[in-house]
């Protein structure tokens, strides 16, 4: 779900196993919210990302 207001706001949910790696801590971290039909926020802006990222991609 996406809302295009002054700032983009979005919510999502992914089925379990999306990482494809059963050893990943993210392999089943959303199964419960998926089963309950709940959504999680998607972060677009640096102020929203703070405290929610594990690493940054830096090409090159």
N, C-alpha and C. Protein backbone atom coordinates (compact mmCIF):
# COMPACT_ATOMS: atom_id res chain seq x y z
N UNK A 1 0.85 -1.13 0.00
CA UNK A 1 0.00 0.00 0.00
C UNK A 1 0.92 1.22 0.00
N UNK A 2 0.63 2.18 -0.87
CA UNK A 2 1.45 3.39 -0.97
C UNK A 2 0.56 4.61 -1.00
N UNK A 3 0.95 5.63 -0.25
CA UNK A 3 0.25 6.90 -0.24
C UNK A 3 1.24 7.97 -0.69
N UNK A 4 0.90 8.70 -1.74
CA UNK A 4 1.77 9.74 -2.26
C UNK A 4 1.32 11.10 -1.74
N UNK A 5 1.70 11.39 -0.50
CA UNK A 5 1.38 12.67 0.12
C UNK A 5 2.60 13.57 0.00
N UNK A 6 2.77 14.53 0.92
CA UNK A 6 3.96 15.37 0.91
C UNK A 6 5.21 14.49 1.00
N UNK A 7 5.12 13.43 1.80
CA UNK A 7 6.16 12.42 1.90
C UNK A 7 5.52 11.07 1.56
N UNK A 8 6.22 10.27 0.79
CA UNK A 8 5.70 8.95 0.43
C UNK A 8 5.58 8.12 1.70
N UNK A 9 4.45 7.45 1.86
CA UNK A 9 4.23 6.52 2.96
C UNK A 9 3.81 5.19 2.36
N UNK A 10 4.40 4.10 2.86
CA UNK A 10 4.07 2.79 2.32
C UNK A 10 4.08 1.75 3.43
N UNK A 11 3.28 0.72 3.24
CA UNK A 11 3.18 -0.42 4.16
C UNK A 11 3.24 -1.68 3.30
N UNK A 12 3.79 -2.77 3.88
CA UNK A 12 3.92 -4.02 3.12
C UNK A 12 3.98 -5.20 4.06
N UNK A 13 3.91 -6.38 3.49
CA UNK A 13 4.15 -7.64 4.20
C UNK A 13 4.68 -8.61 3.18
N UNK A 14 5.57 -9.50 3.60
CA UNK A 14 6.12 -10.51 2.71
C UNK A 14 5.90 -11.88 3.34
N UNK A 15 5.66 -12.85 2.49
CA UNK A 15 5.49 -14.22 2.97
C UNK A 15 6.82 -14.75 3.49
N UNK A 16 6.77 -15.69 4.38
CA UNK A 16 7.99 -16.29 4.91
C UNK A 16 8.79 -16.99 3.84
N UNK A 17 10.11 -17.05 4.06
CA UNK A 17 10.98 -17.76 3.14
C UNK A 17 11.46 -16.94 1.96
N UNK A 18 11.15 -15.65 1.91
CA UNK A 18 11.53 -14.83 0.78
C UNK A 18 13.04 -14.74 0.58
N UNK A 19 13.80 -14.87 1.67
CA UNK A 19 15.25 -14.78 1.54
C UNK A 19 15.82 -15.99 0.81
N UNK A 20 15.10 -17.11 0.83
CA UNK A 20 15.58 -18.33 0.20
C UNK A 20 16.66 -19.05 0.99
N UNK A 21 17.02 -18.51 2.15
CA UNK A 21 18.07 -19.09 2.98
C UNK A 21 17.51 -19.41 4.36
N UNK A 22 17.20 -20.69 4.63
CA UNK A 22 16.63 -21.06 5.93
C UNK A 22 17.50 -20.67 7.12
N UNK A 23 18.79 -20.47 6.91
CA UNK A 23 19.69 -20.08 8.00
C UNK A 23 19.65 -18.57 8.28
N UNK A 24 19.03 -17.81 7.40
CA UNK A 24 18.95 -16.36 7.57
C UNK A 24 17.98 -16.01 8.70
N UNK A 25 18.34 -15.00 9.50
CA UNK A 25 17.43 -14.57 10.56
C UNK A 25 16.17 -13.92 9.98
N UNK A 26 16.20 -13.59 8.70
CA UNK A 26 15.04 -12.98 8.05
C UNK A 26 14.18 -13.99 7.30
N UNK A 27 14.55 -15.27 7.35
CA UNK A 27 13.81 -16.29 6.62
C UNK A 27 12.36 -16.38 7.08
N UNK A 28 12.14 -16.25 8.39
CA UNK A 28 10.76 -16.38 8.89
C UNK A 28 10.36 -15.24 9.83
N UNK A 29 11.02 -14.10 9.69
CA UNK A 29 10.74 -13.00 10.62
C UNK A 29 9.41 -12.28 10.37
N UNK A 30 8.76 -12.55 9.24
CA UNK A 30 7.48 -11.89 8.97
C UNK A 30 6.31 -12.85 8.87
N UNK A 31 6.53 -14.11 9.17
CA UNK A 31 5.46 -15.10 9.04
C UNK A 31 4.25 -14.72 9.89
N UNK A 32 4.49 -14.31 11.13
CA UNK A 32 3.38 -13.99 12.03
C UNK A 32 2.56 -12.80 11.51
N UNK A 33 3.22 -11.73 11.11
CA UNK A 33 2.44 -10.58 10.64
C UNK A 33 1.75 -10.89 9.31
N UNK A 34 2.36 -11.76 8.48
CA UNK A 34 1.72 -12.18 7.24
C UNK A 34 0.44 -12.96 7.55
N UNK A 35 0.54 -13.90 8.47
CA UNK A 35 -0.61 -14.74 8.83
C UNK A 35 -1.74 -13.92 9.44
N UNK A 36 -1.39 -12.85 10.15
CA UNK A 36 -2.39 -11.99 10.78
C UNK A 36 -2.90 -10.89 9.84
N UNK A 37 -2.31 -10.77 8.64
CA UNK A 37 -2.73 -9.75 7.69
C UNK A 37 -2.29 -8.35 8.06
N UNK A 38 -1.31 -8.26 8.95
CA UNK A 38 -0.80 -6.94 9.34
C UNK A 38 0.23 -6.46 8.34
N UNK A 39 0.47 -5.18 8.31
CA UNK A 39 1.46 -4.58 7.42
C UNK A 39 2.56 -3.93 8.24
N UNK A 40 3.76 -3.84 7.66
CA UNK A 40 4.88 -3.16 8.31
C UNK A 40 5.23 -1.93 7.49
N UNK A 41 5.79 -0.91 8.12
CA UNK A 41 6.14 0.30 7.36
C UNK A 41 7.34 0.07 6.45
N UNK A 42 7.33 0.74 5.34
CA UNK A 42 8.47 0.78 4.41
C UNK A 42 9.11 2.15 4.59
N UNK A 43 10.42 2.17 4.80
CA UNK A 43 11.12 3.42 5.07
C UNK A 43 11.79 3.93 3.80
N UNK A 44 11.55 5.20 3.45
CA UNK A 44 12.11 5.81 2.24
C UNK A 44 13.16 6.87 2.54
N UNK A 45 13.02 7.55 3.63
CA UNK A 45 13.82 8.74 3.91
C UNK A 45 14.86 8.46 4.99
N UNK A 46 16.01 9.16 4.94
CA UNK A 46 17.08 8.92 5.93
C UNK A 46 16.61 9.02 7.38
N UNK A 47 15.74 9.96 7.70
CA UNK A 47 15.28 10.08 9.09
C UNK A 47 14.42 8.88 9.50
N UNK A 48 13.77 8.23 8.55
CA UNK A 48 12.97 7.04 8.85
C UNK A 48 13.86 5.80 8.98
N UNK A 49 14.94 5.76 8.21
CA UNK A 49 15.83 4.61 8.21
C UNK A 49 16.63 4.47 9.50
N UNK A 50 16.90 5.58 10.15
CA UNK A 50 17.74 5.56 11.35
C UNK A 50 17.17 4.57 12.37
N UNK A 51 18.02 3.63 12.78
CA UNK A 51 17.62 2.63 13.76
C UNK A 51 16.95 1.40 13.16
N UNK A 52 16.77 1.38 11.83
CA UNK A 52 16.08 0.26 11.19
C UNK A 52 16.93 -0.47 10.15
N UNK A 53 18.18 -0.09 10.00
CA UNK A 53 19.01 -0.75 8.97
C UNK A 53 20.13 -1.54 9.61
N UNK A 54 20.53 -2.62 8.94
CA UNK A 54 21.64 -3.44 9.40
C UNK A 54 22.94 -3.06 8.71
N UNK A 55 22.84 -2.66 7.46
CA UNK A 55 24.01 -2.25 6.69
C UNK A 55 23.56 -1.39 5.51
N UNK A 56 24.50 -0.67 4.92
CA UNK A 56 24.24 0.16 3.75
C UNK A 56 24.98 -0.41 2.55
N UNK A 57 24.33 -0.36 1.41
CA UNK A 57 24.95 -0.76 0.15
C UNK A 57 25.72 0.43 -0.40
N UNK A 58 26.98 0.23 -0.72
CA UNK A 58 27.81 1.27 -1.30
C UNK A 58 28.44 0.72 -2.57
N UNK A 59 27.85 1.02 -3.73
CA UNK A 59 28.39 0.47 -4.98
C UNK A 59 29.81 0.96 -5.25
N UNK A 60 30.56 0.15 -5.99
CA UNK A 60 31.91 0.53 -6.41
C UNK A 60 32.87 0.14 -5.43
